[in-house]
Amino acid sequence: MSSRRPEVAIVGSGRMGRWHARVRGGGGGRVVALVDTDETRSHVLARDFPGAHVFRDVDDCLTATTASVVHGARTPIT
């Protein structure tokens, strides 16, 4: 079993995204990326997770990071 902490990307930086990030960050994972079309909101959340990168697009995030876990915490647009 690897002792490496899972690297986590959080999609959505609103209320649920903040909750997911804090649970993952406190639960042994390392938040490496935050994804939201509202970059300002992601940058505010990123202050709590040193080294986390901010993205507007999920595809960009997945090609630029080594995240092994992705949490979807964004309300779908209908």
PDB file of N, CA and C in Angstrom:
ATOM      1  N   MET A   1       0.849  -1.178   0.000  1.00  0.00           N
ATOM      2  CA  MET A   1       0.000   0.000   0.000  1.00  0.00           C
ATOM      3  C   MET A   1       0.892   1.238   0.000  1.00  0.00           C
ATOM      4  N   SER A   2       0.570   2.201  -0.826  1.00  0.00           N
ATOM      5  CA  SER A   2       1.358   3.421  -0.938  1.00  0.00           C
ATOM      6  C   SER A   2       1.083   4.364   0.232  1.00  0.00           C
ATOM      7  N   SER A   3       2.142   5.019   0.705  1.00  0.00           N
ATOM      8  CA  SER A   3       1.971   5.995   1.785  1.00  0.00           C
ATOM      9  C   SER A   3       1.783   7.396   1.208  1.00  0.00           C
ATOM     10  N   ARG A   4       1.755   7.494  -0.101  1.00  0.00           N
ATOM     11  CA  ARG A   4       1.577   8.770  -0.768  1.00  0.00           C
ATOM     12  C   ARG A   4       0.148   9.271  -0.580  1.00  0.00           C
ATOM     13  N   ARG A   5       0.019  10.556  -0.244  1.00  0.00           N
ATOM     14  CA  ARG A   5      -1.310  11.151  -0.061  1.00  0.00           C
ATOM     15  C   ARG A   5      -1.985  11.316  -1.416  1.00  0.00           C
ATOM     16  N   PRO A   6      -3.245  10.953  -1.552  1.00  0.00           N
ATOM     17  CA  PRO A   6      -3.945  11.153  -2.816  1.00  0.00           C
ATOM     18  C   PRO A   6      -4.016  12.642  -3.159  1.00  0.00           C
ATOM     19  N   GLU A   7      -3.795  12.949  -4.439  1.00  0.00           N
ATOM     20  CA  GLU A   7      -3.900  14.323  -4.911  1.00  0.00           C
ATOM     21  C   GLU A   7      -5.308  14.521  -5.453  1.00  0.00           C
ATOM     22  N   VAL A   8      -5.961  15.569  -4.964  1.00  0.00           N
ATOM     23  CA  VAL A   8      -7.382  15.766  -5.204  1.00  0.00           C
ATOM     24  C   VAL A   8      -7.640  17.055  -5.976  1.00  0.00           C
ATOM     25  N   ALA A   9      -8.523  16.965  -6.970  1.00  0.00           N
ATOM     26  CA  ALA A   9      -9.034  18.141  -7.674  1.00  0.00           C
ATOM     27  C   ALA A   9     -10.490  18.315  -7.261  1.00  0.00           C
ATOM     28  N   ILE A  10     -10.863  19.539  -6.940  1.00  0.00           N
ATOM     29  CA  ILE A  10     -12.241  19.852  -6.554  1.00  0.00           C
ATOM     30  C   ILE A  10     -12.870  20.667  -7.676  1.00  0.00           C
ATOM     31  N   VAL A  11     -13.962  20.168  -8.217  1.00  0.00           N
ATOM     32  CA  VAL A  11     -14.676  20.875  -9.280  1.00  0.00           C
ATOM     33  C   VAL A  11     -15.858  21.585  -8.642  1.00  0.00           C
ATOM     34  N   GLY A  12     -15.766  22.905  -8.599  1.00  0.00           N
ATOM     35  CA  GLY A  12     -16.773  23.744  -7.951  1.00  0.00           C
ATOM     36  C   GLY A  12     -16.184  24.340  -6.688  1.00  0.00           C
ATOM     37  N   SER A  13     -16.176  25.654  -6.597  1.00  0.00           N
ATOM     38  CA  SER A  13     -15.577  26.324  -5.439  1.00  0.00           C
ATOM     39  C   SER A  13     -16.606  27.079  -4.607  1.00  0.00           C
ATOM     40  N   GLY A  14     -17.858  26.703  -4.755  1.00  0.00           N
ATOM     41  CA  GLY A  14     -18.914  27.304  -3.946  1.00  0.00           C
ATOM     42  C   GLY A  14     -18.997  26.614  -2.593  1.00  0.00           C
ATOM     43  N   ARG A  15     -20.158  26.665  -1.986  1.00  0.00           N
ATOM     44  CA  ARG A  15     -20.353  26.102  -0.649  1.00  0.00           C
ATOM     45  C   ARG A  15     -19.971  24.621  -0.582  1.00  0.00           C
ATOM     46  N   MET A  16     -20.470  23.814  -1.511  1.00  0.00           N
ATOM     47  CA  MET A  16     -20.162  22.382  -1.485  1.00  0.00           C
ATOM     48  C   MET A  16     -18.698  22.124  -1.830  1.00  0.00           C
ATOM     49  N   GLY A  17     -18.139  22.908  -2.734  1.00  0.00           N
ATOM     50  CA  GLY A  17     -16.726  22.756  -3.074  1.00  0.00           C
ATOM     51  C   GLY A  17     -15.835  23.031  -1.880  1.00  0.00           C
ATOM     52  N   ARG A  18     -16.176  24.074  -1.121  1.00  0.00           N
ATOM     53  CA  ARG A  18     -15.409  24.379   0.096  1.00  0.00           C
ATOM     54  C   ARG A  18     -15.487  23.212   1.076  1.00  0.00           C
ATOM     55  N   TRP A  19     -16.671  22.653   1.228  1.00  0.00           N
ATOM     56  CA  TRP A  19     -16.848  21.526   2.132  1.00  0.00           C
ATOM     57  C   TRP A  19     -16.026  20.324   1.666  1.00  0.00           C
ATOM     58  N   HIS A  20     -16.124  19.987   0.385  1.00  0.00           N
ATOM     59  CA  HIS A  20     -15.369  18.852  -0.158  1.00  0.00           C
ATOM     60  C   HIS A  20     -13.869  19.064   0.012  1.00  0.00           C
ATOM     61  N   ALA A  21     -13.396  20.268  -0.263  1.00  0.00           N
ATOM     62  CA  ALA A  21     -11.961  20.551  -0.143  1.00  0.00           C
ATOM     63  C   ALA A  21     -11.489  20.387   1.296  1.00  0.00           C
ATOM     64  N   ARG A  22     -12.253  20.889   2.226  1.00  0.00           N
ATOM     65  CA  ARG A  22     -11.842  20.789   3.631  1.00  0.00           C
ATOM     66  C   ARG A  22     -11.862  19.343   4.129  1.00  0.00           C
ATOM     67  N   VAL A  23     -12.851  18.577   3.711  1.00  0.00           N
ATOM     68  CA  VAL A  23     -12.929  17.170   4.114  1.00  0.00           C
ATOM     69  C   VAL A  23     -11.766  16.388   3.505  1.00  0.00           C
ATOM     70  N   ARG A  24     -11.508  16.575   2.230  1.00  0.00           N
ATOM     71  CA  ARG A  24     -10.410  15.869   1.560  1.00  0.00           C
ATOM     72  C   ARG A  24      -9.066  16.323   2.096  1.00  0.00           C
ATOM     73  N   GLY A  25      -8.894  17.622   2.265  1.00  0.00           N
ATOM     74  CA  GLY A  25      -7.630  18.142   2.778  1.00  0.00           C
ATOM     75  C   GLY A  25      -7.357  17.682   4.194  1.00  0.00           C
ATOM     76  N   GLY A  26      -8.409  17.574   4.987  1.00  0.00           N
ATOM     77  CA  GLY A  26      -8.255  17.126   6.369  1.00  0.00           C
ATOM     78  C   GLY A  26      -8.277  15.624   6.505  1.00  0.00           C
ATOM     79  N   GLY A  27      -8.705  14.936   5.473  1.00  0.00           N
ATOM     80  CA  GLY A  27      -8.842  13.481   5.532  1.00  0.00           C
ATOM     81  C   GLY A  27      -7.678  12.725   4.929  1.00  0.00           C
ATOM     82  N   GLY A  28      -6.548  13.389   4.810  1.00  0.00           N
ATOM     83  CA  GLY A  28      -5.369  12.696   4.313  1.00  0.00           C
ATOM     84  C   GLY A  28      -5.046  12.973   2.862  1.00  0.00           C
ATOM     85  N   GLY A  29      -5.966  13.593   2.140  1.00  0.00           N
ATOM     86  CA  GLY A  29      -5.689  13.943   0.751  1.00  0.00           C
ATOM     87  C   GLY A  29      -5.009  15.296   0.670  1.00  0.00           C
ATOM     88  N   ARG A  30      -4.481  15.608  -0.505  1.00  0.00           N
ATOM     89  CA  ARG A  30      -3.853  16.909  -0.719  1.00  0.00           C
ATOM     90  C   ARG A  30      -4.559  17.562  -1.895  1.00  0.00           C
ATOM     91  N   VAL A  31      -5.211  18.691  -1.623  1.00  0.00           N
ATOM     92  CA  VAL A  31      -5.930  19.414  -2.680  1.00  0.00           C
ATOM     93  C   VAL A  31      -4.895  20.077  -3.588  1.00  0.00           C
ATOM     94  N   VAL A  32      -4.868  19.656  -4.856  1.00  0.00           N
ATOM     95  CA  VAL A  32      -3.892  20.187  -5.804  1.00  0.00           C
ATOM     96  C   VAL A  32      -4.521  21.104  -6.838  1.00  0.00           C
ATOM     97  N   ALA A  33      -5.867  21.065  -6.950  1.00  0.00           N
ATOM     98  CA  ALA A  33      -6.519  21.882  -7.967  1.00  0.00           C
ATOM     99  C   ALA A  33      -7.944  22.221  -7.565  1.00  0.00           C
ATOM    100  N   LEU A  34      -8.344  23.431  -7.955  1.00  0.00           N
ATOM    101  CA  LEU A  34      -9.718  23.903  -7.773  1.00  0.00           C
ATOM    102  C   LEU A  34     -10.203  24.381  -9.127  1.00  0.00           C
ATOM    103  N   VAL A  35     -11.392  23.931  -9.503  1.00  0.00           N
ATOM    104  CA  VAL A  35     -11.929  24.254 -10.820  1.00  0.00           C
ATOM    105  C   VAL A  35     -13.271  24.947 -10.661  1.00  0.00           C
ATOM    106  N   ASP A  36     -13.389  26.116 -11.267  1.00  0.00           N
ATOM    107  CA  ASP A  36     -14.657  26.845 -11.255  1.00  0.00           C
ATOM    108  C   ASP A  36     -14.582  27.932 -12.321  1.00  0.00           C
ATOM    109  N   THR A  37     -15.698  28.222 -12.952  1.00  0.00           N
ATOM    110  CA  THR A  37     -15.705  29.313 -13.931  1.00  0.00           C
ATOM    111  C   THR A  37     -15.517  30.661 -13.245  1.00  0.00           C
ATOM    112  N   ASP A  38     -15.794  30.716 -11.954  1.00  0.00           N
ATOM    113  CA  ASP A  38     -15.553  31.929 -11.169  1.00  0.00           C
ATOM    114  C   ASP A  38     -14.173  31.795 -10.518  1.00  0.00           C
ATOM    115  N   GLU A  39     -13.153  32.250 -11.233  1.00  0.00           N
ATOM    116  CA  GLU A  39     -11.777  32.093 -10.749  1.00  0.00           C
ATOM    117  C   GLU A  39     -11.535  32.815  -9.431  1.00  0.00           C
ATOM    118  N   THR A  40     -12.210  33.924  -9.214  1.00  0.00           N
ATOM    119  CA  THR A  40     -12.036  34.668  -7.963  1.00  0.00           C
ATOM    120  C   THR A  40     -12.416  33.792  -6.785  1.00  0.00           C
ATOM    121  N   ARG A  41     -13.532  33.110  -6.907  1.00  0.00           N
ATOM    122  CA  ARG A  41     -13.990  32.220  -5.833  1.00  0.00           C
ATOM    123  C   ARG A  41     -12.973  31.103  -5.594  1.00  0.00           C
ATOM    124  N   SER A  42     -12.403  30.561  -6.658  1.00  0.00           N
ATOM    125  CA  SER A  42     -11.391  29.512  -6.506  1.00  0.00           C
ATOM    126  C   SER A  42     -10.120  30.037  -5.859  1.00  0.00           C
ATOM    127  N   HIS A  43      -9.705  31.241  -6.234  1.00  0.00           N
ATOM    128  CA  HIS A  43      -8.498  31.815  -5.643  1.00  0.00           C
ATOM    129  C   HIS A  43      -8.677  32.059  -4.137  1.00  0.00           C
ATOM    130  N   VAL A  44      -9.860  32.464  -3.741  1.00  0.00           N
ATOM    131  CA  VAL A  44     -10.133  32.661  -2.309  1.00  0.00           C
ATOM    132  C   VAL A  44     -10.005  31.326  -1.577  1.00  0.00           C
ATOM    133  N   LEU A  45     -10.592  30.274  -2.117  1.00  0.00           N
ATOM    134  CA  LEU A  45     -10.515  28.951  -1.501  1.00  0.00           C
ATOM    135  C   LEU A  45      -9.082  28.419  -1.518  1.00  0.00           C
ATOM    136  N   ALA A  46      -8.345  28.695  -2.572  1.00  0.00           N
ATOM    137  CA  ALA A  46      -6.968  28.199  -2.709  1.00  0.00           C
ATOM    138  C   ALA A  46      -6.049  28.721  -1.610  1.00  0.00           C
ATOM    139  N   ARG A  47      -6.398  29.834  -1.000  1.00  0.00           N
ATOM    140  CA  ARG A  47      -5.583  30.359   0.118  1.00  0.00           C
ATOM    141  C   ARG A  47      -5.455  29.344   1.250  1.00  0.00           C
ATOM    142  N   ASP A  48      -6.458  28.484   1.398  1.00  0.00           N
ATOM    143  CA  ASP A  48      -6.446  27.476   2.462  1.00  0.00           C
ATOM    144  C   ASP A  48      -5.681  26.213   2.070  1.00  0.00           C
ATOM    145  N   PHE A  49      -5.249  26.136   0.802  1.00  0.00           N
ATOM    146  CA  PHE A  49      -4.592  24.930   0.300  1.00  0.00           C
ATOM    147  C   PHE A  49      -3.343  25.317  -0.483  1.00  0.00           C
ATOM    148  N   PRO A  50      -2.243  25.572   0.236  1.00  0.00           N
ATOM    149  CA  PRO A  50      -1.012  26.004  -0.416  1.00  0.00           C
ATOM    150  C   PRO A  50      -0.601  25.058  -1.544  1.00  0.00           C
ATOM    151  N   GLY A  51      -0.269  25.624  -2.668  1.00  0.00           N
ATOM    152  CA  GLY A  51       0.149  24.834  -3.818  1.00  0.00           C
ATOM    153  C   GLY A  51      -0.980  24.424  -4.737  1.00  0.00           C
ATOM    154  N   ALA A  52      -2.228  24.656  -4.335  1.00  0.00           N
ATOM    155  CA  ALA A  52      -3.366  24.297  -5.196  1.00  0.00           C
ATOM    156  C   ALA A  52      -3.429  25.252  -6.379  1.00  0.00           C
ATOM    157  N   HIS A  53      -3.657  24.699  -7.557  1.00  0.00           N
ATOM    158  CA  HIS A  53      -3.771  25.485  -8.774  1.00  0.00           C
ATOM    159  C   HIS A  53      -5.244  25.739  -9.083  1.00  0.00           C
ATOM    160  N   VAL A  54      -5.506  26.854  -9.730  1.00  0.00           N
ATOM    161  CA  VAL A  54      -6.878  27.244 -10.067  1.00  0.00           C
ATOM    162  C   VAL A  54      -7.071  27.105 -11.576  1.00  0.00           C
ATOM    163  N   PHE A  55      -8.206  26.508 -11.954  1.00  0.00           N
ATOM    164  CA  PHE A  55      -8.551  26.322 -13.358  1.00  0.00           C
ATOM    165  C   PHE A  55      -9.996  26.726 -13.596  1.00  0.00           C
ATOM    166  N   ARG A  56     -10.278  27.168 -14.815  1.00  0.00           N
ATOM    167  CA  ARG A  56     -11.650  27.468 -15.221  1.00  0.00           C
ATOM    168  C   ARG A  56     -12.296  26.259 -15.898  1.00  0.00           C
ATOM    169  N   ASP A  57     -11.482  25.320 -16.344  1.00  0.00           N
ATOM    170  CA  ASP A  57     -11.965  24.219 -17.166  1.00  0.00           C
ATOM    171  C   ASP A  57     -11.442  22.881 -16.636  1.00  0.00           C
ATOM    172  N   VAL A  58     -12.322  21.904 -16.531  1.00  0.00           N
ATOM    173  CA  VAL A  58     -11.949  20.583 -16.005  1.00  0.00           C
ATOM    174  C   VAL A  58     -10.895  19.923 -16.894  1.00  0.00           C
ATOM    175  N   ASP A  59     -11.066  20.006 -18.202  1.00  0.00           N
ATOM    176  CA  ASP A  59     -10.097  19.374 -19.107  1.00  0.00           C
ATOM    177  C   ASP A  59      -8.699  19.950 -18.911  1.00  0.00           C
ATOM    178  N   ASP A  60      -8.609  21.266 -18.766  1.00  0.00           N
ATOM    179  CA  ASP A  60      -7.305  21.895 -18.512  1.00  0.00           C
ATOM    180  C   ASP A  60      -6.707  21.381 -17.210  1.00  0.00           C
ATOM    181  N   CYS A  61      -7.536  21.249 -16.201  1.00  0.00           N
ATOM    182  CA  CYS A  61      -7.083  20.754 -14.899  1.00  0.00           C
ATOM    183  C   CYS A  61      -6.522  19.348 -15.020  1.00  0.00           C
ATOM    184  N   LEU A  62      -7.240  18.482 -15.706  1.00  0.00           N
ATOM    185  CA  LEU A  62      -6.837  17.079 -15.791  1.00  0.00           C
ATOM    186  C   LEU A  62      -5.566  16.885 -16.608  1.00  0.00           C
ATOM    187  N   THR A  63      -5.301  17.777 -17.565  1.00  0.00           N
ATOM    188  CA  THR A  63      -4.060  17.655 -18.331  1.00  0.00           C
ATOM    189  C   THR A  63      -2.882  18.303 -17.621  1.00  0.00           C
ATOM    190  N   ALA A  64      -3.142  19.237 -16.731  1.00  0.00           N
ATOM    191  CA  ALA A  64      -2.055  19.979 -16.092  1.00  0.00           C
ATOM    192  C   ALA A  64      -1.694  19.476 -14.698  1.00  0.00           C
ATOM    193  N   THR A  65      -2.492  18.608 -14.111  1.00  0.00           N
ATOM    194  CA  THR A  65      -2.212  18.144 -12.747  1.00  0.00           C
ATOM    195  C   THR A  65      -2.056  16.629 -12.716  1.00  0.00           C
ATOM    196  N   THR A  66      -1.653  16.147 -11.573  1.00  0.00           N
ATOM    197  CA  THR A  66      -1.517  14.707 -11.354  1.00  0.00           C
ATOM    198  C   THR A  66      -2.593  14.207 -10.395  1.00  0.00           C
ATOM    199  N   ALA A  67      -3.728  14.909 -10.354  1.00  0.00           N
ATOM    200  CA  ALA A  67      -4.807  14.529  -9.441  1.00  0.00           C
ATOM    201  C   ALA A  67      -5.239  13.086  -9.711  1.00  0.00           C
ATOM    202  N   SER A  68      -5.331  12.321  -8.637  1.00  0.00           N
ATOM    203  CA  SER A  68      -5.785  10.942  -8.757  1.00  0.00           C
ATOM    204  C   SER A  68      -7.241  10.791  -8.319  1.00  0.00           C
ATOM    205  N   VAL A  69      -7.794  11.865  -7.735  1.00  0.00           N
ATOM    206  CA  VAL A  69      -9.175  11.881  -7.286  1.00  0.00           C
ATOM    207  C   VAL A  69      -9.799  13.193  -7.736  1.00  0.00           C
ATOM    208  N   VAL A  70     -11.018  13.126  -8.266  1.00  0.00           N
ATOM    209  CA  VAL A  70     -11.739  14.339  -8.663  1.00  0.00           C
ATOM    210  C   VAL A  70     -13.078  14.338  -7.944  1.00  0.00           C
ATOM    211  N   HIS A  71     -13.337  15.399  -7.198  1.00  0.00           N
ATOM    212  CA  HIS A  71     -14.626  15.559  -6.517  1.00  0.00           C
ATOM    213  C   HIS A  71     -15.458  16.553  -7.314  1.00  0.00           C
ATOM    214  N   GLY A  72     -16.628  16.127  -7.739  1.00  0.00           N
ATOM    215  CA  GLY A  72     -17.554  17.019  -8.423  1.00  0.00           C
ATOM    216  C   GLY A  72     -18.495  17.650  -7.407  1.00  0.00           C
ATOM    217  N   ALA A  73     -18.311  18.945  -7.176  1.00  0.00           N
ATOM    218  CA  ALA A  73     -19.120  19.639  -6.173  1.00  0.00           C
ATOM    219  C   ALA A  73     -19.785  20.843  -6.796  1.00  0.00           C
ATOM    220  N   ARG A  74     -20.187  20.707  -8.027  1.00  0.00           N
ATOM    221  CA  ARG A  74     -20.778  21.813  -8.762  1.00  0.00           C
ATOM    222  C   ARG A  74     -22.186  21.430  -9.183  1.00  0.00           C
ATOM    223  N   THR A  75     -23.111  22.344  -9.020  1.00  0.00           N
ATOM    224  CA  THR A  75     -24.480  22.113  -9.465  1.00  0.00           C
ATOM    225  C   THR A  75     -24.504  22.143 -10.979  1.00  0.00           C
ATOM    226  N   PRO A  76     -25.046  21.109 -11.595  1.00  0.00           N
ATOM    227  CA  PRO A  76     -25.081  21.093 -13.065  1.00  0.00           C
ATOM    228  C   PRO A  76     -25.935  22.239 -13.606  1.00  0.00           C
ATOM    229  N   ILE A  77     -25.497  22.777 -14.703  1.00  0.00           N
ATOM    230  CA  ILE A  77     -26.271  23.825 -15.371  1.00  0.00           C
ATOM    231  C   ILE A  77     -27.275  23.133 -16.280  1.00  0.00           C
ATOM    232  N   THR A  78     -28.556  23.482 -16.119  1.00  0.00           N
ATOM    233  CA  THR A  78     -29.585  22.858 -16.953  1.00  0.00           C
ATOM    234  C   THR A  78     -30.205  23.861 -17.882  1.00  0.00           C
TER     235      THR A  78
END
